[in-house]
Amino acid sequence: MPGHMLPFALGVLFAVPVTLGIVALRSWRLRNAQDSALAEQVQGMASRIEVVEAESTRTSVRMDVAETVLLEKGVADEEDLEEARRYFEANTAARYDRQRDGSLH
């Protein structure tokens, strides 16, 4: 009987590290795939943020141009512009509503 146990023991000693190696390799591949997916999501969000920043800059420039034209043409003065600003700030709803739109995550 002891002669039959040696091949079994060697088989177990060989199978355990191989199994652990396979599990570790699969875990490593899965982690790499998750890292790649996360990096892709971050890149997509960064691109969208850049677009929003560019649009915000364009909008700010357009607003400055409109104010300048209104002032130079004499259509409005500084007080009129301030009043209009206060009116729109008080009466404009936020575009993002956490209750309605959910979390940003």
C-alpha atoms as a PDB file:
ATOM      1  CA  MET A   1       0.000   0.000   0.000  1.00  0.00           C
ATOM      2  CA  PRO A   2       2.701   2.535   0.818  1.00  0.00           C
ATOM      3  CA  GLY A   3       4.024   2.185  -2.738  1.00  0.00           C
ATOM      4  CA  HIS A   4       0.701   3.414  -4.121  1.00  0.00           C
ATOM      5  CA  MET A   5       0.637   6.463  -1.901  1.00  0.00           C
ATOM      6  CA  LEU A   6       3.830   7.950  -3.308  1.00  0.00           C
ATOM      7  CA  PRO A   7       2.415   8.680  -6.804  1.00  0.00           C
ATOM      8  CA  PHE A   8      -0.753  10.073  -5.215  1.00  0.00           C
ATOM      9  CA  ALA A   9       1.251  12.345  -2.886  1.00  0.00           C
ATOM     10  CA  LEU A  10       3.436  13.522  -5.768  1.00  0.00           C
ATOM     11  CA  GLY A  11       0.318  14.169  -7.853  1.00  0.00           C
ATOM     12  CA  VAL A  12      -1.204  16.277  -5.091  1.00  0.00           C
ATOM     13  CA  LEU A  13       2.065  18.140  -4.548  1.00  0.00           C
ATOM     14  CA  PHE A  14       2.169  18.907  -8.260  1.00  0.00           C
ATOM     15  CA  ALA A  15      -1.558  19.697  -8.674  1.00  0.00           C
ATOM     16  CA  VAL A  16      -1.827  22.202  -5.814  1.00  0.00           C
ATOM     17  CA  PRO A  17       0.764  24.720  -7.117  1.00  0.00           C
ATOM     18  CA  VAL A  18      -0.506  24.316 -10.682  1.00  0.00           C
ATOM     19  CA  THR A  19      -4.076  24.983  -9.550  1.00  0.00           C
ATOM     20  CA  LEU A  20      -2.988  27.980  -7.487  1.00  0.00           C
ATOM     21  CA  GLY A  21      -1.009  29.286 -10.456  1.00  0.00           C
ATOM     22  CA  ILE A  22      -4.009  28.956 -12.785  1.00  0.00           C
ATOM     23  CA  VAL A  23      -6.281  30.724 -10.282  1.00  0.00           C
ATOM     24  CA  ALA A  24      -3.725  33.514  -9.813  1.00  0.00           C
ATOM     25  CA  LEU A  25      -3.344  33.926 -13.593  1.00  0.00           C
ATOM     26  CA  ARG A  26      -7.114  34.138 -14.097  1.00  0.00           C
ATOM     27  CA  SER A  27      -7.411  36.666 -11.264  1.00  0.00           C
ATOM     28  CA  TRP A  28      -4.595  38.738 -12.771  1.00  0.00           C
ATOM     29  CA  ARG A  29      -6.240  38.709 -16.230  1.00  0.00           C
ATOM     30  CA  LEU A  30      -9.599  39.668 -14.737  1.00  0.00           C
ATOM     31  CA  ARG A  31      -7.989  42.522 -12.783  1.00  0.00           C
ATOM     32  CA  ASN A  32      -6.231  43.743 -15.941  1.00  0.00           C
ATOM     33  CA  ALA A  33      -9.512  43.684 -17.855  1.00  0.00           C
ATOM     34  CA  GLN A  34     -11.222  45.647 -15.078  1.00  0.00           C
ATOM     35  CA  ASP A  35      -8.353  48.145 -14.982  1.00  0.00           C
ATOM     36  CA  SER A  36      -8.594  48.626 -18.744  1.00  0.00           C
ATOM     37  CA  ALA A  37     -12.353  49.160 -18.564  1.00  0.00           C
ATOM     38  CA  LEU A  38     -11.937  51.684 -15.755  1.00  0.00           C
ATOM     39  CA  ALA A  39      -9.197  53.526 -17.660  1.00  0.00           C
ATOM     40  CA  GLU A  40     -11.499  53.697 -20.687  1.00  0.00           C
ATOM     41  CA  GLN A  41     -14.318  55.146 -18.581  1.00  0.00           C
ATOM     42  CA  VAL A  42     -11.993  57.754 -17.072  1.00  0.00           C
ATOM     43  CA  GLN A  43     -10.760  58.721 -20.545  1.00  0.00           C
ATOM     44  CA  GLY A  44     -14.361  59.082 -21.744  1.00  0.00           C
ATOM     45  CA  MET A  45     -15.241  61.282 -18.779  1.00  0.00           C
ATOM     46  CA  ALA A  46     -12.121  63.398 -19.320  1.00  0.00           C
ATOM     47  CA  SER A  47     -13.117  63.925 -22.948  1.00  0.00           C
ATOM     48  CA  ARG A  48     -16.630  64.983 -21.957  1.00  0.00           C
ATOM     49  CA  ILE A  49     -15.250  67.383 -19.342  1.00  0.00           C
ATOM     50  CA  GLU A  50     -12.985  68.956 -21.988  1.00  0.00           C
ATOM     51  CA  VAL A  51     -15.992  69.472 -24.270  1.00  0.00           C
ATOM     52  CA  VAL A  52     -17.970  71.076 -21.444  1.00  0.00           C
ATOM     53  CA  GLU A  53     -15.042  73.347 -20.566  1.00  0.00           C
ATOM     54  CA  ALA A  54     -14.682  74.450 -24.197  1.00  0.00           C
ATOM     55  CA  GLU A  55     -18.419  75.130 -24.504  1.00  0.00           C
ATOM     56  CA  SER A  56     -18.375  77.048 -21.223  1.00  0.00           C
ATOM     57  CA  THR A  57     -15.524  79.207 -22.494  1.00  0.00           C
ATOM     58  CA  ARG A  58     -17.363  79.913 -25.767  1.00  0.00           C
ATOM     59  CA  THR A  59     -20.529  80.790 -23.862  1.00  0.00           C
ATOM     60  CA  SER A  60     -18.622  83.138 -21.566  1.00  0.00           C
ATOM     61  CA  VAL A  61     -17.050  84.910 -24.555  1.00  0.00           C
ATOM     62  CA  ARG A  62     -20.473  85.258 -26.241  1.00  0.00           C
ATOM     63  CA  MET A  63     -21.905  86.697 -23.024  1.00  0.00           C
ATOM     64  CA  ASP A  64     -19.071  89.240 -22.774  1.00  0.00           C
ATOM     65  CA  VAL A  65     -19.574  90.235 -26.423  1.00  0.00           C
ATOM     66  CA  ALA A  66     -23.329  90.657 -25.917  1.00  0.00           C
ATOM     67  CA  GLU A  67     -22.804  92.803 -22.813  1.00  0.00           C
ATOM     68  CA  THR A  68     -20.246  94.948 -24.618  1.00  0.00           C
ATOM     69  CA  VAL A  69     -22.535  95.487 -27.599  1.00  0.00           C
ATOM     70  CA  LEU A  70     -25.493  96.360 -25.367  1.00  0.00           C
ATOM     71  CA  LEU A  71     -23.383  98.846 -23.411  1.00  0.00           C
ATOM     72  CA  GLU A  72     -21.717 100.423 -26.476  1.00  0.00           C
ATOM     73  CA  LYS A  73     -24.989 100.770 -28.392  1.00  0.00           C
ATOM     74  CA  GLY A  74     -26.600 102.362 -25.362  1.00  0.00           C
ATOM     75  CA  VAL A  75     -29.341  99.740 -25.235  1.00  0.00           C
ATOM     76  CA  ALA A  76     -28.518  98.925 -21.613  1.00  0.00           C
ATOM     77  CA  ASP A  77     -26.340 100.203 -18.817  1.00  0.00           C
ATOM     78  CA  GLU A  78     -24.509  98.329 -16.054  1.00  0.00           C
ATOM     79  CA  GLU A  79     -27.530  98.467 -13.744  1.00  0.00           C
ATOM     80  CA  ASP A  80     -29.778  96.927 -16.425  1.00  0.00           C
ATOM     81  CA  LEU A  81     -27.310  94.101 -16.942  1.00  0.00           C
ATOM     82  CA  GLU A  82     -27.029  93.462 -13.194  1.00  0.00           C
ATOM     83  CA  GLU A  83     -30.803  93.398 -12.863  1.00  0.00           C
ATOM     84  CA  ALA A  84     -31.099  90.945 -15.747  1.00  0.00           C
ATOM     85  CA  ARG A  85     -28.353  88.781 -14.212  1.00  0.00           C
ATOM     86  CA  ARG A  86     -30.117  88.683 -10.832  1.00  0.00           C
ATOM     87  CA  TYR A  87     -33.444  87.875 -12.512  1.00  0.00           C
ATOM     88  CA  PHE A  88     -32.046  84.918 -14.459  1.00  0.00           C
ATOM     89  CA  GLU A  89     -30.044  83.598 -11.512  1.00  0.00           C
ATOM     90  CA  ALA A  90     -33.157  83.660  -9.326  1.00  0.00           C
ATOM     91  CA  ASN A  91     -35.529  82.180 -11.922  1.00  0.00           C
ATOM     92  CA  THR A  92     -33.379  79.621 -13.699  1.00  0.00           C
ATOM     93  CA  ALA A  93     -33.676  76.065 -12.434  1.00  0.00           C
ATOM     94  CA  ALA A  94     -30.548  73.997 -12.063  1.00  0.00           C
ATOM     95  CA  ARG A  95     -30.018  71.676 -15.013  1.00  0.00           C
ATOM     96  CA  TYR A  96     -28.803  68.831 -12.804  1.00  0.00           C
ATOM     97  CA  ASP A  97     -31.171  67.604 -10.145  1.00  0.00           C
ATOM     98  CA  ARG A  98     -29.907  64.733  -8.001  1.00  0.00           C
ATOM     99  CA  GLN A  99     -33.440  63.545  -7.130  1.00  0.00           C
ATOM    100  CA  ARG A 100     -34.462  63.460 -10.784  1.00  0.00           C
ATOM    101  CA  ASP A 101     -31.179  62.549 -12.492  1.00  0.00           C
ATOM    102  CA  GLY A 102     -29.626  60.254  -9.900  1.00  0.00           C
ATOM    103  CA  SER A 103     -26.008  59.970  -8.889  1.00  0.00           C
ATOM    104  CA  LEU A 104     -23.157  60.973 -11.155  1.00  0.00           C
ATOM    105  CA  HIS A 105     -21.474  57.602 -10.558  1.00  0.00           C
END
